[in-house]
Amino acid sequence: MKAGQDALLHETDPAVQDRSKAPASWRIALPHSAAAVPVARALVRTALAELEHTADGDTAELLTAELVANAVEHTAGGTPIELVVELMPTGCQVEVHDPDPVPPADLTRPGMEPPDPWQEHGRGLLLIRALSSSCGHRPTGSGKAVWFRLPAVPAPRRSPE
């Protein structure tokens, strides 16, 4: 068999195709400050740009910013927070790890009272519940992880030129 034929067979090998659909993930420690929010948004934007069929980037950035801002605002400073972005063929999952083991109060309880329209705060978790396909939290060895998932959406079709 010639080298060119071997390469062609290798490219059509199901095992090679399965690896290309394997999840990709990014993990980064962020400062426990407001500066973490734009860094987290940029990481999510860059990660989602890597895939042709992916989740809605604007929504992913918005919800990531909410999770990171909540972690910075509602946990004690000093310990970095961690952002984990996982991309899968079915969509993406974003997690924010922080050192506080106390779960976010209204994340998974949809029956809570709506936020006061005159207050600046109180809508982040509502947005996460409303815009994600699922969300939640889990304990970790050093605190908790709060997460959301977004489904994959087809890439827009380009018109023929």
N, C-alpha and C. Protein backbone atom coordinates (compact mmCIF):
# COMPACT_ATOMS: atom_id res chain seq x y z
N MET A 1 0.85 -1.18 0.00
CA MET A 1 0.00 0.00 0.00
C MET A 1 0.89 1.24 0.00
N LYS A 2 0.54 2.23 -0.78
CA LYS A 2 1.31 3.46 -0.87
C LYS A 2 1.02 4.35 0.33
N ALA A 3 1.95 5.26 0.61
CA ALA A 3 1.79 6.16 1.76
C ALA A 3 0.53 7.00 1.65
N GLY A 4 0.19 7.48 0.46
CA GLY A 4 -1.01 8.30 0.28
C GLY A 4 -2.27 7.51 0.59
N GLN A 5 -2.30 6.23 0.17
CA GLN A 5 -3.46 5.39 0.47
C GLN A 5 -3.57 5.13 1.96
N ASP A 6 -2.44 4.91 2.63
CA ASP A 6 -2.43 4.69 4.07
C ASP A 6 -3.00 5.91 4.80
N ALA A 7 -2.59 7.09 4.37
CA ALA A 7 -3.09 8.32 5.01
C ALA A 7 -4.60 8.45 4.79
N LEU A 8 -5.07 8.12 3.59
CA LEU A 8 -6.48 8.22 3.30
C LEU A 8 -7.29 7.25 4.16
N LEU A 9 -6.79 6.01 4.30
CA LEU A 9 -7.48 5.03 5.14
C LEU A 9 -7.50 5.50 6.59
N HIS A 10 -6.40 6.09 7.04
CA HIS A 10 -6.32 6.55 8.41
C HIS A 10 -7.35 7.66 8.68
N GLU A 11 -7.53 8.55 7.72
CA GLU A 11 -8.48 9.66 7.90
C GLU A 11 -9.92 9.16 7.96
N THR A 12 -10.22 8.04 7.31
CA THR A 12 -11.60 7.53 7.33
C THR A 12 -11.81 6.49 8.42
N ASP A 13 -10.78 6.20 9.19
CA ASP A 13 -10.87 5.24 10.29
C ASP A 13 -11.85 5.78 11.33
N PRO A 14 -12.89 5.00 11.75
CA PRO A 14 -13.86 5.49 12.74
C PRO A 14 -13.22 5.94 14.04
N ALA A 15 -12.14 5.31 14.45
CA ALA A 15 -11.49 5.72 15.70
C ALA A 15 -10.94 7.13 15.59
N VAL A 16 -10.42 7.50 14.42
CA VAL A 16 -9.91 8.85 14.21
C VAL A 16 -11.06 9.84 14.22
N GLN A 17 -12.17 9.48 13.58
CA GLN A 17 -13.33 10.37 13.54
C GLN A 17 -13.89 10.59 14.94
N ASP A 18 -13.92 9.55 15.78
CA ASP A 18 -14.44 9.69 17.14
C ASP A 18 -13.58 10.64 17.96
N ARG A 19 -12.27 10.60 17.76
CA ARG A 19 -11.39 11.50 18.51
C ARG A 19 -11.67 12.95 18.16
N SER A 20 -12.04 13.23 16.92
CA SER A 20 -12.29 14.61 16.53
C SER A 20 -13.55 15.15 17.20
N LYS A 21 -14.42 14.25 17.67
CA LYS A 21 -15.65 14.69 18.32
C LYS A 21 -15.53 14.65 19.84
N ALA A 22 -14.34 14.35 20.34
CA ALA A 22 -14.13 14.28 21.78
C ALA A 22 -14.28 15.68 22.38
N PRO A 23 -14.69 15.76 23.63
CA PRO A 23 -14.83 17.07 24.27
C PRO A 23 -13.50 17.80 24.33
N ALA A 24 -13.58 19.10 24.19
CA ALA A 24 -12.41 19.96 24.39
C ALA A 24 -12.69 20.73 25.67
N SER A 25 -11.67 20.97 26.46
CA SER A 25 -11.92 21.71 27.70
C SER A 25 -10.79 22.67 28.01
N TRP A 26 -11.16 23.73 28.69
CA TRP A 26 -10.23 24.75 29.15
C TRP A 26 -10.47 24.93 30.64
N ARG A 27 -9.39 25.16 31.39
CA ARG A 27 -9.48 25.37 32.84
C ARG A 27 -8.49 26.48 33.17
N ILE A 28 -8.97 27.51 33.86
CA ILE A 28 -8.09 28.63 34.18
C ILE A 28 -8.43 29.19 35.56
N ALA A 29 -7.39 29.52 36.30
CA ALA A 29 -7.57 30.20 37.59
C ALA A 29 -7.71 31.69 37.31
N LEU A 30 -8.68 32.32 37.94
CA LEU A 30 -8.94 33.74 37.75
C LEU A 30 -8.75 34.48 39.07
N PRO A 31 -8.34 35.73 38.99
CA PRO A 31 -8.19 36.50 40.23
C PRO A 31 -9.54 36.70 40.89
N HIS A 32 -9.51 36.80 42.19
CA HIS A 32 -10.75 37.03 42.95
C HIS A 32 -11.04 38.53 42.94
N SER A 33 -11.31 39.05 41.74
CA SER A 33 -11.60 40.48 41.58
C SER A 33 -12.48 40.67 40.35
N ALA A 34 -12.99 41.88 40.18
CA ALA A 34 -13.84 42.18 39.04
C ALA A 34 -13.09 41.99 37.72
N ALA A 35 -11.77 42.03 37.74
CA ALA A 35 -10.98 41.82 36.52
C ALA A 35 -11.18 40.42 35.95
N ALA A 36 -11.69 39.49 36.75
CA ALA A 36 -11.91 38.12 36.28
C ALA A 36 -13.03 38.04 35.25
N VAL A 37 -13.99 38.94 35.31
CA VAL A 37 -15.16 38.86 34.43
C VAL A 37 -14.79 39.01 32.95
N PRO A 38 -14.07 40.06 32.54
CA PRO A 38 -13.74 40.14 31.11
C PRO A 38 -12.79 39.02 30.64
N VAL A 39 -11.93 38.55 31.52
CA VAL A 39 -11.04 37.44 31.16
C VAL A 39 -11.87 36.18 30.90
N ALA A 40 -12.84 35.93 31.76
CA ALA A 40 -13.71 34.75 31.61
C ALA A 40 -14.52 34.84 30.32
N ARG A 41 -15.05 36.02 30.03
CA ARG A 41 -15.82 36.20 28.79
C ARG A 41 -14.95 35.93 27.57
N ALA A 42 -13.73 36.45 27.60
CA ALA A 42 -12.81 36.26 26.47
C ALA A 42 -12.47 34.79 26.28
N LEU A 43 -12.26 34.06 27.37
CA LEU A 43 -11.95 32.64 27.25
C LEU A 43 -13.11 31.88 26.63
N VAL A 44 -14.32 32.17 27.08
CA VAL A 44 -15.50 31.48 26.54
C VAL A 44 -15.66 31.83 25.06
N ARG A 45 -15.51 33.10 24.70
CA ARG A 45 -15.63 33.51 23.31
C ARG A 45 -14.61 32.77 22.43
N THR A 46 -13.37 32.71 22.89
CA THR A 46 -12.30 32.04 22.14
C THR A 46 -12.56 30.54 22.04
N ALA A 47 -12.98 29.92 23.13
CA ALA A 47 -13.25 28.48 23.12
C ALA A 47 -14.38 28.14 22.15
N LEU A 48 -15.44 28.92 22.17
CA LEU A 48 -16.58 28.63 21.29
C LEU A 48 -16.24 28.87 19.83
N ALA A 49 -15.31 29.77 19.56
CA ALA A 49 -14.91 30.04 18.18
C ALA A 49 -14.15 28.86 17.57
N GLU A 50 -13.68 27.95 18.42
CA GLU A 50 -12.92 26.80 17.94
C GLU A 50 -13.79 25.77 17.21
N LEU A 51 -15.08 25.76 17.47
CA LEU A 51 -15.94 24.72 16.89
C LEU A 51 -16.88 25.30 15.85
N GLU A 52 -17.21 24.50 14.85
CA GLU A 52 -18.12 24.94 13.81
C GLU A 52 -19.56 24.94 14.31
N HIS A 53 -19.98 23.89 15.00
CA HIS A 53 -21.33 23.80 15.56
C HIS A 53 -21.18 23.91 17.07
N THR A 54 -21.65 24.98 17.60
CA THR A 54 -21.43 25.21 19.02
C THR A 54 -22.62 25.92 19.64
N ALA A 55 -22.49 26.25 20.88
CA ALA A 55 -23.55 26.95 21.60
C ALA A 55 -23.55 28.44 21.22
N ASP A 56 -24.62 29.12 21.56
CA ASP A 56 -24.73 30.54 21.29
C ASP A 56 -23.69 31.30 22.11
N GLY A 57 -22.74 31.92 21.43
CA GLY A 57 -21.62 32.59 22.09
C GLY A 57 -22.04 33.76 22.97
N ASP A 58 -22.98 34.57 22.50
CA ASP A 58 -23.41 35.73 23.30
C ASP A 58 -24.03 35.29 24.62
N THR A 59 -24.88 34.26 24.54
CA THR A 59 -25.52 33.76 25.76
C THR A 59 -24.48 33.14 26.68
N ALA A 60 -23.55 32.38 26.12
CA ALA A 60 -22.50 31.76 26.93
C ALA A 60 -21.67 32.82 27.64
N GLU A 61 -21.32 33.88 26.93
CA GLU A 61 -20.53 34.96 27.55
C GLU A 61 -21.31 35.64 28.67
N LEU A 62 -22.58 35.94 28.43
CA LEU A 62 -23.42 36.60 29.43
C LEU A 62 -23.53 35.76 30.70
N LEU A 63 -23.86 34.47 30.53
CA LEU A 63 -24.05 33.61 31.69
C LEU A 63 -22.73 33.36 32.42
N THR A 64 -21.64 33.26 31.68
CA THR A 64 -20.32 33.11 32.31
C THR A 64 -20.01 34.35 33.15
N ALA A 65 -20.26 35.52 32.59
CA ALA A 65 -20.01 36.75 33.34
C ALA A 65 -20.82 36.79 34.63
N GLU A 66 -22.06 36.32 34.57
CA GLU A 66 -22.91 36.29 35.77
C GLU A 66 -22.33 35.35 36.82
N LEU A 67 -21.92 34.14 36.40
CA LEU A 67 -21.36 33.18 37.37
C LEU A 67 -20.08 33.71 38.00
N VAL A 68 -19.20 34.26 37.19
CA VAL A 68 -17.93 34.77 37.71
C VAL A 68 -18.17 35.98 38.63
N ALA A 69 -19.03 36.89 38.22
CA ALA A 69 -19.33 38.05 39.06
C ALA A 69 -19.92 37.62 40.39
N ASN A 70 -20.81 36.62 40.38
CA ASN A 70 -21.39 36.11 41.63
C ASN A 70 -20.31 35.51 42.52
N ALA A 71 -19.40 34.74 41.94
CA ALA A 71 -18.34 34.12 42.73
C ALA A 71 -17.45 35.18 43.37
N VAL A 72 -17.14 36.23 42.62
CA VAL A 72 -16.30 37.31 43.15
C VAL A 72 -17.04 38.07 44.25
N GLU A 73 -18.31 38.37 44.00
CA GLU A 73 -19.07 39.19 44.95
C GLU A 73 -19.47 38.44 46.23
N HIS A 74 -19.79 37.16 46.11
CA HIS A 74 -20.39 36.45 47.24
C HIS A 74 -19.45 35.49 47.97
N THR A 75 -18.18 35.50 47.64
CA THR A 75 -17.22 34.65 48.36
C THR A 75 -16.08 35.50 48.88
N ALA A 76 -15.41 34.99 49.91
CA ALA A 76 -14.30 35.72 50.51
C ALA A 76 -13.13 35.79 49.53
N GLY A 77 -12.49 36.95 49.50
CA GLY A 77 -11.37 37.17 48.59
C GLY A 77 -10.12 36.41 49.00
N GLY A 78 -9.12 36.50 48.15
CA GLY A 78 -7.85 35.85 48.44
C GLY A 78 -7.63 34.60 47.64
N THR A 79 -8.57 33.68 47.66
CA THR A 79 -8.43 32.44 46.91
C THR A 79 -8.92 32.67 45.48
N PRO A 80 -8.14 32.27 44.48
CA PRO A 80 -8.62 32.44 43.11
C PRO A 80 -9.87 31.60 42.86
N ILE A 81 -10.65 32.03 41.89
CA ILE A 81 -11.78 31.23 41.44
C ILE A 81 -11.32 30.53 40.16
N GLU A 82 -12.02 29.49 39.78
CA GLU A 82 -11.59 28.73 38.62
C GLU A 82 -12.73 28.63 37.61
N LEU A 83 -12.39 28.82 36.35
CA LEU A 83 -13.35 28.71 35.27
C LEU A 83 -13.02 27.45 34.48
N VAL A 84 -14.04 26.63 34.22
CA VAL A 84 -13.88 25.41 33.43
C VAL A 84 -14.90 25.48 32.30
N VAL A 85 -14.41 25.37 31.07
CA VAL A 85 -15.27 25.40 29.89
C VAL A 85 -15.07 24.08 29.17
N GLU A 86 -16.18 23.36 28.96
CA GLU A 86 -16.11 22.08 28.24
C GLU A 86 -17.02 22.16 27.03
N LEU A 87 -16.44 21.87 25.86
CA LEU A 87 -17.19 21.88 24.61
C LEU A 87 -17.39 20.44 24.16
N MET A 88 -18.62 20.13 23.81
CA MET A 88 -18.98 18.79 23.36
C MET A 88 -19.79 18.92 22.07
N PRO A 89 -19.94 17.86 21.31
CA PRO A 89 -20.77 17.95 20.10
C PRO A 89 -22.21 18.39 20.41
N THR A 90 -22.68 18.12 21.62
CA THR A 90 -24.06 18.47 21.99
C THR A 90 -24.19 19.88 22.55
N GLY A 91 -23.09 20.60 22.77
CA GLY A 91 -23.15 21.95 23.31
C GLY A 91 -21.96 22.24 24.19
N CYS A 92 -22.18 23.05 25.22
CA CYS A 92 -21.08 23.39 26.13
C CYS A 92 -21.57 23.41 27.56
N GLN A 93 -20.62 23.23 28.46
CA GLN A 93 -20.88 23.39 29.89
C GLN A 93 -19.81 24.31 30.44
N VAL A 94 -20.25 25.26 31.25
CA VAL A 94 -19.34 26.20 31.90
C VAL A 94 -19.52 26.04 33.40
N GLU A 95 -18.41 25.91 34.12
CA GLU A 95 -18.43 25.82 35.58
C GLU A 95 -17.55 26.90 36.16
N VAL A 96 -17.98 27.44 37.29
CA VAL A 96 -17.15 28.36 38.07
C VAL A 96 -17.00 27.75 39.45
N HIS A 97 -15.75 27.53 39.84
CA HIS A 97 -15.43 26.95 41.15
C HIS A 97 -15.02 28.09 42.08
N ASP A 98 -15.57 28.07 43.28
CA ASP A 98 -15.17 29.07 44.29
C ASP A 98 -14.99 28.38 45.63
N PRO A 99 -14.37 29.06 46.59
CA PRO A 99 -14.04 28.42 47.86
C PRO A 99 -15.19 28.30 48.86
N ASP A 100 -16.34 28.89 48.57
CA ASP A 100 -17.46 28.88 49.52
C ASP A 100 -18.33 27.64 49.28
N PRO A 101 -18.51 26.78 50.28
CA PRO A 101 -19.31 25.57 50.09
C PRO A 101 -20.83 25.83 50.06
N VAL A 102 -21.26 27.03 50.44
CA VAL A 102 -22.69 27.31 50.50
C VAL A 102 -23.25 27.43 49.08
N PRO A 103 -24.30 26.66 48.75
CA PRO A 103 -24.86 26.72 47.39
C PRO A 103 -25.57 28.04 47.13
N PRO A 104 -25.63 28.45 45.86
CA PRO A 104 -26.35 29.69 45.52
C PRO A 104 -27.84 29.49 45.80
N ALA A 105 -28.43 30.41 46.50
CA ALA A 105 -29.79 30.26 47.02
C ALA A 105 -30.85 30.00 45.96
N ASP A 106 -30.90 30.80 44.91
CA ASP A 106 -32.04 30.71 43.98
C ASP A 106 -31.72 30.04 42.66
N LEU A 107 -30.61 29.36 42.54
CA LEU A 107 -30.25 28.82 41.23
C LEU A 107 -31.19 27.73 40.75
N THR A 108 -31.54 26.83 41.61
CA THR A 108 -32.38 25.71 41.17
C THR A 108 -33.78 25.74 41.76
N ARG A 109 -34.16 26.85 42.35
CA ARG A 109 -35.51 26.99 42.90
C ARG A 109 -36.29 28.03 42.11
N PRO A 110 -36.99 27.62 41.06
CA PRO A 110 -37.67 28.59 40.19
C PRO A 110 -38.84 29.32 40.83
N GLY A 111 -39.32 28.90 41.96
CA GLY A 111 -40.48 29.54 42.58
C GLY A 111 -40.16 30.77 43.42
N MET A 112 -38.94 31.24 43.38
CA MET A 112 -38.55 32.39 44.20
C MET A 112 -39.24 33.66 43.68
N GLU A 113 -39.33 34.66 44.58
CA GLU A 113 -39.93 35.94 44.19
C GLU A 113 -39.08 36.62 43.14
N PRO A 114 -39.71 37.34 42.21
CA PRO A 114 -38.93 38.06 41.20
C PRO A 114 -38.10 39.16 41.88
N PRO A 115 -36.98 39.53 41.26
CA PRO A 115 -36.14 40.57 41.86
C PRO A 115 -36.84 41.92 41.87
N ASP A 116 -36.46 42.75 42.80
CA ASP A 116 -36.99 44.11 42.90
C ASP A 116 -36.55 44.89 41.66
N PRO A 117 -37.49 45.43 40.89
CA PRO A 117 -37.12 46.14 39.66
C PRO A 117 -36.28 47.39 39.91
N TRP A 118 -36.27 47.89 41.14
CA TRP A 118 -35.52 49.10 41.45
C TRP A 118 -34.09 48.81 41.93
N GLN A 119 -33.78 47.55 42.11
CA GLN A 119 -32.43 47.17 42.56
C GLN A 119 -31.54 46.80 41.38
N GLU A 120 -30.24 47.07 41.52
CA GLU A 120 -29.30 46.71 40.46
C GLU A 120 -28.97 45.22 40.46
N HIS A 121 -29.08 44.56 41.58
CA HIS A 121 -28.66 43.17 41.70
C HIS A 121 -29.87 42.24 41.78
N GLY A 122 -29.60 40.94 41.65
CA GLY A 122 -30.65 39.96 41.88
C GLY A 122 -31.19 39.28 40.64
N ARG A 123 -30.60 39.56 39.47
CA ARG A 123 -31.13 38.96 38.25
C ARG A 123 -30.22 37.91 37.63
N GLY A 124 -29.00 37.79 38.10
CA GLY A 124 -28.02 36.89 37.50
C GLY A 124 -28.46 35.44 37.48
N LEU A 125 -28.87 34.92 38.62
CA LEU A 125 -29.29 33.52 38.67
C LEU A 125 -30.59 33.31 37.90
N LEU A 126 -31.45 34.32 37.89
CA LEU A 126 -32.67 34.25 37.09
C LEU A 126 -32.32 34.11 35.60
N LEU A 127 -31.35 34.89 35.14
CA LEU A 127 -30.90 34.78 33.75
C LEU A 127 -30.33 33.40 33.45
N ILE A 128 -29.53 32.89 34.37
CA ILE A 128 -28.93 31.57 34.17
C ILE A 128 -30.01 30.50 34.06
N ARG A 129 -31.00 30.55 34.95
CA ARG A 129 -32.11 29.58 34.88
C ARG A 129 -32.89 29.71 33.58
N ALA A 130 -33.14 30.95 33.17
CA ALA A 130 -33.99 31.19 32.01
C ALA A 130 -33.31 30.89 30.67
N LEU A 131 -32.02 31.16 30.57
CA LEU A 131 -31.35 31.07 29.27
C LEU A 131 -30.55 29.79 29.04
N SER A 132 -30.28 29.04 30.11
CA SER A 132 -29.50 27.81 29.92
C SER A 132 -30.44 26.62 29.72
N SER A 133 -29.90 25.54 29.14
CA SER A 133 -30.73 24.33 29.00
C SER A 133 -30.80 23.60 30.33
N SER A 134 -29.79 23.75 31.17
CA SER A 134 -29.80 23.23 32.54
C SER A 134 -28.73 23.95 33.33
N CYS A 135 -28.87 23.92 34.64
CA CYS A 135 -27.90 24.58 35.52
C CYS A 135 -27.96 23.92 36.89
N GLY A 136 -26.94 24.17 37.68
CA GLY A 136 -26.92 23.60 39.01
C GLY A 136 -25.64 23.92 39.73
N HIS A 137 -25.43 23.20 40.81
CA HIS A 137 -24.22 23.37 41.61
C HIS A 137 -23.89 22.03 42.23
N ARG A 138 -22.64 21.87 42.62
CA ARG A 138 -22.20 20.65 43.28
C ARG A 138 -21.06 21.00 44.22
N PRO A 139 -20.95 20.25 45.30
CA PRO A 139 -19.82 20.48 46.21
C PRO A 139 -18.52 19.99 45.58
N THR A 140 -17.43 20.65 45.92
CA THR A 140 -16.10 20.21 45.50
C THR A 140 -15.25 20.07 46.76
N GLY A 141 -14.07 19.55 46.61
CA GLY A 141 -13.17 19.39 47.75
C GLY A 141 -12.76 20.70 48.38
N SER A 142 -12.88 21.79 47.63
CA SER A 142 -12.45 23.09 48.16
C SER A 142 -13.54 24.14 48.14
N GLY A 143 -14.80 23.75 48.03
CA GLY A 143 -15.91 24.71 48.00
C GLY A 143 -17.07 24.18 47.18
N LYS A 144 -17.37 24.85 46.06
CA LYS A 144 -18.46 24.41 45.19
C LYS A 144 -18.16 24.79 43.75
N ALA A 145 -18.89 24.15 42.85
CA ALA A 145 -18.88 24.49 41.44
C ALA A 145 -20.31 24.83 41.05
N VAL A 146 -20.50 25.95 40.39
CA VAL A 146 -21.81 26.35 39.87
C VAL A 146 -21.68 26.28 38.35
N TRP A 147 -22.67 25.68 37.68
CA TRP A 147 -22.53 25.41 36.26
C TRP A 147 -23.82 25.68 35.49
N PHE A 148 -23.64 25.81 34.17
CA PHE A 148 -24.78 25.85 33.25
C PHE A 148 -24.38 25.14 31.97
N ARG A 149 -25.39 24.70 31.23
CA ARG A 149 -25.19 24.07 29.92
C ARG A 149 -26.00 24.81 28.87
N LEU A 150 -25.43 24.87 27.68
CA LEU A 150 -26.13 25.41 26.52
C LEU A 150 -26.06 24.38 25.41
N PRO A 151 -27.16 24.20 24.67
CA PRO A 151 -27.14 23.22 23.58
C PRO A 151 -26.38 23.77 22.37
N ALA A 152 -25.93 22.86 21.52
CA ALA A 152 -25.28 23.25 20.27
C ALA A 152 -26.33 23.82 19.34
N VAL A 153 -25.92 24.80 18.57
CA VAL A 153 -26.79 25.37 17.53
C VAL A 153 -26.01 25.29 16.21
N PRO A 154 -26.71 25.03 15.12
CA PRO A 154 -26.00 24.94 13.83
C PRO A 154 -25.36 26.26 13.47
N ALA A 155 -24.24 26.18 12.80
CA ALA A 155 -23.57 27.38 12.31
C ALA A 155 -24.44 28.00 11.22
N PRO A 156 -24.47 29.33 11.12
CA PRO A 156 -25.28 29.95 10.06
C PRO A 156 -24.75 29.55 8.68
N ARG A 157 -25.66 29.35 7.78
CA ARG A 157 -25.27 28.99 6.41
C ARG A 157 -24.78 30.24 5.68
N ARG A 158 -23.74 30.03 4.94
CA ARG A 158 -23.22 31.14 4.12
C ARG A 158 -23.88 31.08 2.75
N SER A 159 -24.25 32.24 2.26
CA SER A 159 -24.86 32.26 0.93
C SER A 159 -23.77 32.08 -0.13
N PRO A 160 -24.07 31.33 -1.18
CA PRO A 160 -23.06 31.12 -2.22
C PRO A 160 -22.74 32.44 -2.92
N GLU A 161 -21.50 32.61 -3.22
CA GLU A 161 -21.08 33.87 -3.86
C GLU A 161 -20.85 33.69 -5.30
